[in-house]
Amino acid sequence: MVAKDATLCSFEIEANSTVYIFGGDAFPEERFIEWNFVASDKALIEKAKKDWQGNKFPNVPTETVRIPLPEPKRFGG
C-alpha cells in the first residue's frame, strides 16, 4: 500500500502480531504488480509468469504444494 496521507488508511492487528513498515522516496519509474511479480518492465513480469508455469523457479523450502499461477480476472461482460 502506498499512501501520502496517513488519514487515508488504517488497520487493526491482533495482539503479539509483527508488522514490518518500509518507507522512503518513491521509485522514479512506474512499477507493475501481477500476483507475486513486481517489475518496472511488463515484459519481465510476462517472462516470470512463463517461468513459474514452466517450473523454472526453485521450490520453496518446506512447502509440499506448488501454487499455480492464478487465472487473469476479467471485469465486465
PDB file of N, CA and C in Angstrom:
ATOM      1  N   MET A   1       0.847  -1.159   0.000  1.00  0.00           N
ATOM      2  CA  MET A   1       0.000   0.000   0.000  1.00  0.00           C
ATOM      3  C   MET A   1       0.901   1.233   0.000  1.00  0.00           C
ATOM      4  N   VAL A   2       0.482   2.224  -0.716  1.00  0.00           N
ATOM      5  CA  VAL A   2       1.201   3.488  -0.743  1.00  0.00           C
ATOM      6  C   VAL A   2       0.207   4.586  -0.409  1.00  0.00           C
ATOM      7  N   ALA A   3       0.515   5.371   0.587  1.00  0.00           N
ATOM      8  CA  ALA A   3      -0.371   6.476   0.966  1.00  0.00           C
ATOM      9  C   ALA A   3       0.476   7.662   1.387  1.00  0.00           C
ATOM     10  N   LYS A   4       0.231   8.791   0.774  1.00  0.00           N
ATOM     11  CA  LYS A   4       0.952  10.009   1.147  1.00  0.00           C
ATOM     12  C   LYS A   4       0.239  10.743   2.271  1.00  0.00           C
ATOM     13  N   ASP A   5      -1.000  10.339   2.553  1.00  0.00           N
ATOM     14  CA  ASP A   5      -1.803  10.965   3.601  1.00  0.00           C
ATOM     15  C   ASP A   5      -2.188   9.875   4.595  1.00  0.00           C
ATOM     16  N   ALA A   6      -1.679   9.956   5.815  1.00  0.00           N
ATOM     17  CA  ALA A   6      -1.900   8.920   6.824  1.00  0.00           C
ATOM     18  C   ALA A   6      -3.361   8.758   7.185  1.00  0.00           C
ATOM     19  N   THR A   7      -4.202   9.747   6.893  1.00  0.00           N
ATOM     20  CA  THR A   7      -5.625   9.621   7.215  1.00  0.00           C
ATOM     21  C   THR A   7      -6.374   8.762   6.198  1.00  0.00           C
ATOM     22  N   LEU A   8      -5.715   8.371   5.119  1.00  0.00           N
ATOM     23  CA  LEU A   8      -6.371   7.579   4.075  1.00  0.00           C
ATOM     24  C   LEU A   8      -6.419   6.088   4.392  1.00  0.00           C
ATOM     25  N   CYS A   9      -5.680   5.632   5.385  1.00  0.00           N
ATOM     26  CA  CYS A   9      -5.664   4.201   5.656  1.00  0.00           C
ATOM     27  C   CYS A   9      -5.542   3.941   7.154  1.00  0.00           C
ATOM     28  N   SER A  10      -6.080   2.806   7.547  1.00  0.00           N
ATOM     29  CA  SER A  10      -5.933   2.350   8.926  1.00  0.00           C
ATOM     30  C   SER A  10      -6.090   0.838   8.916  1.00  0.00           C
ATOM     31  N   PHE A  11      -5.616   0.187   9.966  1.00  0.00           N
ATOM     32  CA  PHE A  11      -5.773  -1.255  10.064  1.00  0.00           C
ATOM     33  C   PHE A  11      -5.731  -1.667  11.514  1.00  0.00           C
ATOM     34  N   GLU A  12      -6.251  -2.836  11.790  1.00  0.00           N
ATOM     35  CA  GLU A  12      -6.237  -3.400  13.128  1.00  0.00           C
ATOM     36  C   GLU A  12      -5.460  -4.702  13.082  1.00  0.00           C
ATOM     37  N   ILE A  13      -4.702  -4.982  14.140  1.00  0.00           N
ATOM     38  CA  ILE A  13      -3.952  -6.225  14.201  1.00  0.00           C
ATOM     39  C   ILE A  13      -4.201  -6.907  15.537  1.00  0.00           C
ATOM     40  N   GLU A  14      -3.968  -8.196  15.564  1.00  0.00           N
ATOM     41  CA  GLU A  14      -4.120  -8.976  16.784  1.00  0.00           C
ATOM     42  C   GLU A  14      -2.931  -8.710  17.714  1.00  0.00           C
ATOM     43  N   ALA A  15      -3.123  -8.949  18.996  1.00  0.00           N
ATOM     44  CA  ALA A  15      -2.037  -8.815  19.974  1.00  0.00           C
ATOM     45  C   ALA A  15      -0.890  -9.739  19.586  1.00  0.00           C
ATOM     46  N   ASN A  16       0.309  -9.331  19.855  1.00  0.00           N
ATOM     47  CA  ASN A  16       1.536 -10.090  19.575  1.00  0.00           C
ATOM     48  C   ASN A  16       1.809 -10.281  18.080  1.00  0.00           C
ATOM     49  N   SER A  17       1.198  -9.464  17.237  1.00  0.00           N
ATOM     50  CA  SER A  17       1.465  -9.513  15.804  1.00  0.00           C
ATOM     51  C   SER A  17       2.776  -8.798  15.500  1.00  0.00           C
ATOM     52  N   THR A  18       3.367  -9.128  14.395  1.00  0.00           N
ATOM     53  CA  THR A  18       4.563  -8.439  13.924  1.00  0.00           C
ATOM     54  C   THR A  18       4.208  -7.674  12.663  1.00  0.00           C
ATOM     55  N   VAL A  19       4.583  -6.416  12.615  1.00  0.00           N
ATOM     56  CA  VAL A  19       4.311  -5.577  11.457  1.00  0.00           C
ATOM     57  C   VAL A  19       5.631  -5.022  10.949  1.00  0.00           C
ATOM     58  N   TYR A  20       5.847  -5.114   9.656  1.00  0.00           N
ATOM     59  CA  TYR A  20       7.033  -4.536   9.033  1.00  0.00           C
ATOM     60  C   TYR A  20       6.585  -3.339   8.209  1.00  0.00           C
ATOM     61  N   ILE A  21       7.213  -2.204   8.439  1.00  0.00           N
ATOM     62  CA  ILE A  21       6.867  -0.989   7.721  1.00  0.00           C
ATOM     63  C   ILE A  21       8.109  -0.515   6.961  1.00  0.00           C
ATOM     64  N   PHE A  22       7.924  -0.312   5.680  1.00  0.00           N
ATOM     65  CA  PHE A  22       9.011   0.159   4.832  1.00  0.00           C
ATOM     66  C   PHE A  22       8.620   1.514   4.274  1.00  0.00           C
ATOM     67  N   GLY A  23       9.575   2.362   4.113  1.00  0.00           N
ATOM     68  CA  GLY A  23       9.260   3.680   3.584  1.00  0.00           C
ATOM     69  C   GLY A  23      10.437   4.248   2.824  1.00  0.00           C
ATOM     70  N   GLY A  24      10.228   5.387   2.271  1.00  0.00           N
ATOM     71  CA  GLY A  24      11.282   6.059   1.537  1.00  0.00           C
ATOM     72  C   GLY A  24      10.718   6.793   0.337  1.00  0.00           C
ATOM     73  N   ASP A  25      11.601   7.305  -0.470  1.00  0.00           N
ATOM     74  CA  ASP A  25      11.191   8.028  -1.666  1.00  0.00           C
ATOM     75  C   ASP A  25      10.570   7.069  -2.674  1.00  0.00           C
ATOM     76  N   ALA A  26       9.640   7.599  -3.445  1.00  0.00           N
ATOM     77  CA  ALA A  26       9.018   6.797  -4.498  1.00  0.00           C
ATOM     78  C   ALA A  26      10.056   6.457  -5.567  1.00  0.00           C
ATOM     79  N   PHE A  27       9.866   5.325  -6.216  1.00  0.00           N
ATOM     80  CA  PHE A  27      10.747   4.957  -7.324  1.00  0.00           C
ATOM     81  C   PHE A  27      10.550   5.950  -8.461  1.00  0.00           C
ATOM     82  N   PRO A  28      11.612   6.272  -9.199  1.00  0.00           N
ATOM     83  CA  PRO A  28      11.456   7.242 -10.283  1.00  0.00           C
ATOM     84  C   PRO A  28      10.666   6.679 -11.469  1.00  0.00           C
ATOM     85  N   GLU A  29      10.642   5.346 -11.623  1.00  0.00           N
ATOM     86  CA  GLU A  29       9.915   4.744 -12.729  1.00  0.00           C
ATOM     87  C   GLU A  29       8.672   4.024 -12.203  1.00  0.00           C
ATOM     88  N   GLU A  30       7.718   3.804 -13.088  1.00  0.00           N
ATOM     89  CA  GLU A  30       6.485   3.122 -12.718  1.00  0.00           C
ATOM     90  C   GLU A  30       6.763   1.661 -12.375  1.00  0.00           C
ATOM     91  N   ARG A  31       6.012   1.096 -11.432  1.00  0.00           N
ATOM     92  CA  ARG A  31       6.115  -0.317 -11.055  1.00  0.00           C
ATOM     93  C   ARG A  31       4.818  -1.012 -11.440  1.00  0.00           C
ATOM     94  N   PHE A  32       4.944  -2.256 -11.891  1.00  0.00           N
ATOM     95  CA  PHE A  32       3.802  -3.064 -12.255  1.00  0.00           C
ATOM     96  C   PHE A  32       3.761  -4.271 -11.327  1.00  0.00           C
ATOM     97  N   ILE A  33       2.559  -4.647 -10.909  1.00  0.00           N
ATOM     98  CA  ILE A  33       2.387  -5.768  -9.990  1.00  0.00           C
ATOM     99  C   ILE A  33       1.368  -6.723 -10.582  1.00  0.00           C
ATOM    100  N   GLU A  34       1.726  -7.988 -10.640  1.00  0.00           N
ATOM    101  CA  GLU A  34       0.787  -9.033 -11.028  1.00  0.00           C
ATOM    102  C   GLU A  34       1.092 -10.268 -10.203  1.00  0.00           C
ATOM    103  N   TRP A  35       0.120 -10.667  -9.403  1.00  0.00           N
ATOM    104  CA  TRP A  35       0.242 -11.773  -8.470  1.00  0.00           C
ATOM    105  C   TRP A  35       1.447 -11.527  -7.566  1.00  0.00           C
ATOM    106  N   ASN A  36       2.485 -12.375  -7.600  1.00  0.00           N
ATOM    107  CA  ASN A  36       3.671 -12.188  -6.757  1.00  0.00           C
ATOM    108  C   ASN A  36       4.828 -11.542  -7.505  1.00  0.00           C
ATOM    109  N   PHE A  37       4.574 -11.048  -8.692  1.00  0.00           N
ATOM    110  CA  PHE A  37       5.645 -10.487  -9.509  1.00  0.00           C
ATOM    111  C   PHE A  37       5.553  -8.966  -9.547  1.00  0.00           C
ATOM    112  N   VAL A  38       6.693  -8.307  -9.347  1.00  0.00           N
ATOM    113  CA  VAL A  38       6.769  -6.846  -9.373  1.00  0.00           C
ATOM    114  C   VAL A  38       7.963  -6.468 -10.238  1.00  0.00           C
ATOM    115  N   ALA A  39       7.765  -5.545 -11.167  1.00  0.00           N
ATOM    116  CA  ALA A  39       8.864  -5.116 -12.031  1.00  0.00           C
ATOM    117  C   ALA A  39       8.548  -3.743 -12.611  1.00  0.00           C
ATOM    118  N   SER A  40       9.568  -3.092 -13.135  1.00  0.00           N
ATOM    119  CA  SER A  40       9.368  -1.815 -13.819  1.00  0.00           C
ATOM    120  C   SER A  40       9.197  -2.025 -15.317  1.00  0.00           C
ATOM    121  N   ASP A  41       9.233  -3.287 -15.759  1.00  0.00           N
ATOM    122  CA  ASP A  41       9.080  -3.635 -17.167  1.00  0.00           C
ATOM    123  C   ASP A  41       8.063  -4.776 -17.255  1.00  0.00           C
ATOM    124  N   LYS A  42       6.956  -4.547 -17.956  1.00  0.00           N
ATOM    125  CA  LYS A  42       5.915  -5.565 -18.062  1.00  0.00           C
ATOM    126  C   LYS A  42       6.427  -6.857 -18.713  1.00  0.00           C
ATOM    127  N   ALA A  43       7.416  -6.743 -19.594  1.00  0.00           N
ATOM    128  CA  ALA A  43       7.975  -7.933 -20.243  1.00  0.00           C
ATOM    129  C   ALA A  43       8.635  -8.860 -19.219  1.00  0.00           C
ATOM    130  N   LEU A  44       9.236  -8.294 -18.184  1.00  0.00           N
ATOM    131  CA  LEU A  44       9.841  -9.116 -17.135  1.00  0.00           C
ATOM    132  C   LEU A  44       8.776  -9.897 -16.367  1.00  0.00           C
ATOM    133  N   ILE A  45       7.634  -9.279 -16.163  1.00  0.00           N
ATOM    134  CA  ILE A  45       6.542  -9.980 -15.485  1.00  0.00           C
ATOM    135  C   ILE A  45       6.029 -11.120 -16.358  1.00  0.00           C
ATOM    136  N   GLU A  46       5.879 -10.878 -17.643  1.00  0.00           N
ATOM    137  CA  GLU A  46       5.423 -11.941 -18.548  1.00  0.00           C
ATOM    138  C   GLU A  46       6.408 -13.113 -18.560  1.00  0.00           C
ATOM    139  N   LYS A  47       7.703 -12.809 -18.552  1.00  0.00           N
ATOM    140  CA  LYS A  47       8.713 -13.866 -18.512  1.00  0.00           C
ATOM    141  C   LYS A  47       8.621 -14.636 -17.199  1.00  0.00           C
ATOM    142  N   ALA A  48       8.447 -13.922 -16.091  1.00  0.00           N
ATOM    143  CA  ALA A  48       8.340 -14.586 -14.793  1.00  0.00           C
ATOM    144  C   ALA A  48       7.123 -15.500 -14.755  1.00  0.00           C
ATOM    145  N   LYS A  49       6.004 -15.065 -15.336  1.00  0.00           N
ATOM    146  CA  LYS A  49       4.808 -15.906 -15.374  1.00  0.00           C
ATOM    147  C   LYS A  49       5.075 -17.193 -16.147  1.00  0.00           C
ATOM    148  N   LYS A  50       5.730 -17.085 -17.299  1.00  0.00           N
ATOM    149  CA  LYS A  50       6.063 -18.279 -18.086  1.00  0.00           C
ATOM    150  C   LYS A  50       7.037 -19.179 -17.335  1.00  0.00           C
ATOM    151  N   ASP A  51       8.012 -18.581 -16.683  1.00  0.00           N
ATOM    152  CA  ASP A  51       8.978 -19.364 -15.905  1.00  0.00           C
ATOM    153  C   ASP A  51       8.287 -20.083 -14.749  1.00  0.00           C
ATOM    154  N   TRP A  52       7.330 -19.404 -14.095  1.00  0.00           N
ATOM    155  CA  TRP A  52       6.603 -20.041 -12.992  1.00  0.00           C
ATOM    156  C   TRP A  52       5.798 -21.233 -13.523  1.00  0.00           C
ATOM    157  N   GLN A  53       5.100 -21.020 -14.628  1.00  0.00           N
ATOM    158  CA  GLN A  53       4.301 -22.094 -15.202  1.00  0.00           C
ATOM    159  C   GLN A  53       5.181 -23.253 -15.688  1.00  0.00           C
ATOM    160  N   GLY A  54       6.415 -22.951 -16.076  1.00  0.00           N
ATOM    161  CA  GLY A  54       7.336 -23.979 -16.549  1.00  0.00           C
ATOM    162  C   GLY A  54       8.197 -24.577 -15.447  1.00  0.00           C
ATOM    163  N   ASN A  55       7.850 -24.306 -14.168  1.00  0.00           N
ATOM    164  CA  ASN A  55       8.601 -24.832 -13.008  1.00  0.00           C
ATOM    165  C   ASN A  55      10.075 -24.443 -13.034  1.00  0.00           C
ATOM    166  N   LYS A  56      10.380 -23.253 -13.479  1.00  0.00           N
ATOM    167  CA  LYS A  56      11.768 -22.802 -13.539  1.00  0.00           C
ATOM    168  C   LYS A  56      12.203 -22.060 -12.283  1.00  0.00           C
ATOM    169  N   PHE A  57      11.280 -21.839 -11.340  1.00  0.00           N
ATOM    170  CA  PHE A  57      11.631 -21.250 -10.051  1.00  0.00           C
ATOM    171  C   PHE A  57      11.955 -22.376  -9.086  1.00  0.00           C
ATOM    172  N   PRO A  58      12.893 -22.176  -8.176  1.00  0.00           N
ATOM    173  CA  PRO A  58      13.174 -23.227  -7.187  1.00  0.00           C
ATOM    174  C   PRO A  58      11.981 -23.420  -6.256  1.00  0.00           C
ATOM    175  N   ASN A  59      11.847 -24.616  -5.725  1.00  0.00           N
ATOM    176  CA  ASN A  59      10.787 -24.884  -4.757  1.00  0.00           C
ATOM    177  C   ASN A  59      11.044 -24.108  -3.473  1.00  0.00           C
ATOM    178  N   VAL A  60       9.965 -23.747  -2.807  1.00  0.00           N
ATOM    179  CA  VAL A  60      10.057 -23.062  -1.521  1.00  0.00           C
ATOM    180  C   VAL A  60      10.358 -24.120  -0.463  1.00  0.00           C
ATOM    181  N   PRO A  61      11.416 -23.932   0.332  1.00  0.00           N
ATOM    182  CA  PRO A  61      11.747 -24.933   1.351  1.00  0.00           C
ATOM    183  C   PRO A  61      10.558 -25.217   2.270  1.00  0.00           C
ATOM    184  N   THR A  62      10.355 -26.443   2.585  1.00  0.00           N
ATOM    185  CA  THR A  62       9.299 -26.990   3.468  1.00  0.00           C
ATOM    186  C   THR A  62       7.908 -26.968   2.840  1.00  0.00           C
ATOM    187  N   GLU A  63       7.722 -26.386   1.671  1.00  0.00           N
ATOM    188  CA  GLU A  63       6.412 -26.404   1.021  1.00  0.00           C
ATOM    189  C   GLU A  63       6.285 -27.688   0.203  1.00  0.00           C
ATOM    190  N   THR A  64       5.122 -28.301   0.265  1.00  0.00           N
ATOM    191  CA  THR A  64       4.905 -29.552  -0.477  1.00  0.00           C
ATOM    192  C   THR A  64       3.978 -29.364  -1.666  1.00  0.00           C
ATOM    193  N   VAL A  65       3.312 -28.210  -1.751  1.00  0.00           N
ATOM    194  CA  VAL A  65       2.383 -27.940  -2.843  1.00  0.00           C
ATOM    195  C   VAL A  65       2.847 -26.695  -3.586  1.00  0.00           C
ATOM    196  N   ARG A  66       2.892 -26.788  -4.895  1.00  0.00           N
ATOM    197  CA  ARG A  66       3.242 -25.627  -5.719  1.00  0.00           C
ATOM    198  C   ARG A  66       1.947 -24.936  -6.129  1.00  0.00           C
ATOM    199  N   ILE A  67       1.833 -23.660  -5.837  1.00  0.00           N
ATOM    200  CA  ILE A  67       0.620 -22.907  -6.136  1.00  0.00           C
ATOM    201  C   ILE A  67       0.631 -22.508  -7.611  1.00  0.00           C
ATOM    202  N   PRO A  68      -0.442 -22.829  -8.334  1.00  0.00           N
ATOM    203  CA  PRO A  68      -0.477 -22.459  -9.750  1.00  0.00           C
ATOM    204  C   PRO A  68      -0.668 -20.962  -9.928  1.00  0.00           C
ATOM    205  N   LEU A  69      -0.220 -20.466 -11.055  1.00  0.00           N
ATOM    206  CA  LEU A  69      -0.425 -19.067 -11.401  1.00  0.00           C
ATOM    207  C   LEU A  69      -1.927 -18.828 -11.538  1.00  0.00           C
ATOM    208  N   PRO A  70      -2.469 -17.840 -10.847  1.00  0.00           N
ATOM    209  CA  PRO A  70      -3.922 -17.593 -10.944  1.00  0.00           C
ATOM    210  C   PRO A  70      -4.327 -17.184 -12.363  1.00  0.00           C
ATOM    211  N   GLU A  71      -5.553 -17.546 -12.710  1.00  0.00           N
ATOM    212  CA  GLU A  71      -6.114 -17.116 -13.984  1.00  0.00           C
ATOM    213  C   GLU A  71      -6.356 -15.615 -13.926  1.00  0.00           C
ATOM    214  N   PRO A  72      -6.169 -14.899 -15.034  1.00  0.00           N
ATOM    215  CA  PRO A  72      -6.451 -13.447 -15.023  1.00  0.00           C
ATOM    216  C   PRO A  72      -7.923 -13.198 -14.721  1.00  0.00           C
ATOM    217  N   LYS A  73      -8.195 -12.173 -13.948  1.00  0.00           N
ATOM    218  CA  LYS A  73      -9.581 -11.804 -13.652  1.00  0.00           C
ATOM    219  C   LYS A  73     -10.125 -10.942 -14.765  1.00  0.00           C
ATOM    220  N   ARG A  74     -11.333 -11.237 -15.151  1.00  0.00           N
ATOM    221  CA  ARG A  74     -11.985 -10.460 -16.212  1.00  0.00           C
ATOM    222  C   ARG A  74     -13.111  -9.648 -15.582  1.00  0.00           C
ATOM    223  N   PHE A  75     -13.158  -8.378 -15.906  1.00  0.00           N
ATOM    224  CA  PHE A  75     -14.175  -7.495 -15.361  1.00  0.00           C
ATOM    225  C   PHE A  75     -15.170  -7.129 -16.456  1.00  0.00           C
ATOM    226  N   GLY A  76     -16.390  -6.952 -16.069  1.00  0.00           N
ATOM    227  CA  GLY A  76     -17.421  -6.580 -17.039  1.00  0.00           C
ATOM    228  C   GLY A  76     -17.987  -7.800 -17.746  1.00  0.00           C
ATOM    229  N   GLY A  77     -18.743  -7.571 -18.834  1.00  0.00           N
ATOM    230  CA  GLY A  77     -19.465  -8.589 -19.582  1.00  0.00           C
ATOM    231  C   GLY A  77     -18.666  -9.748 -19.932  1.00  0.00           C
TER     232      GLY A  77
END
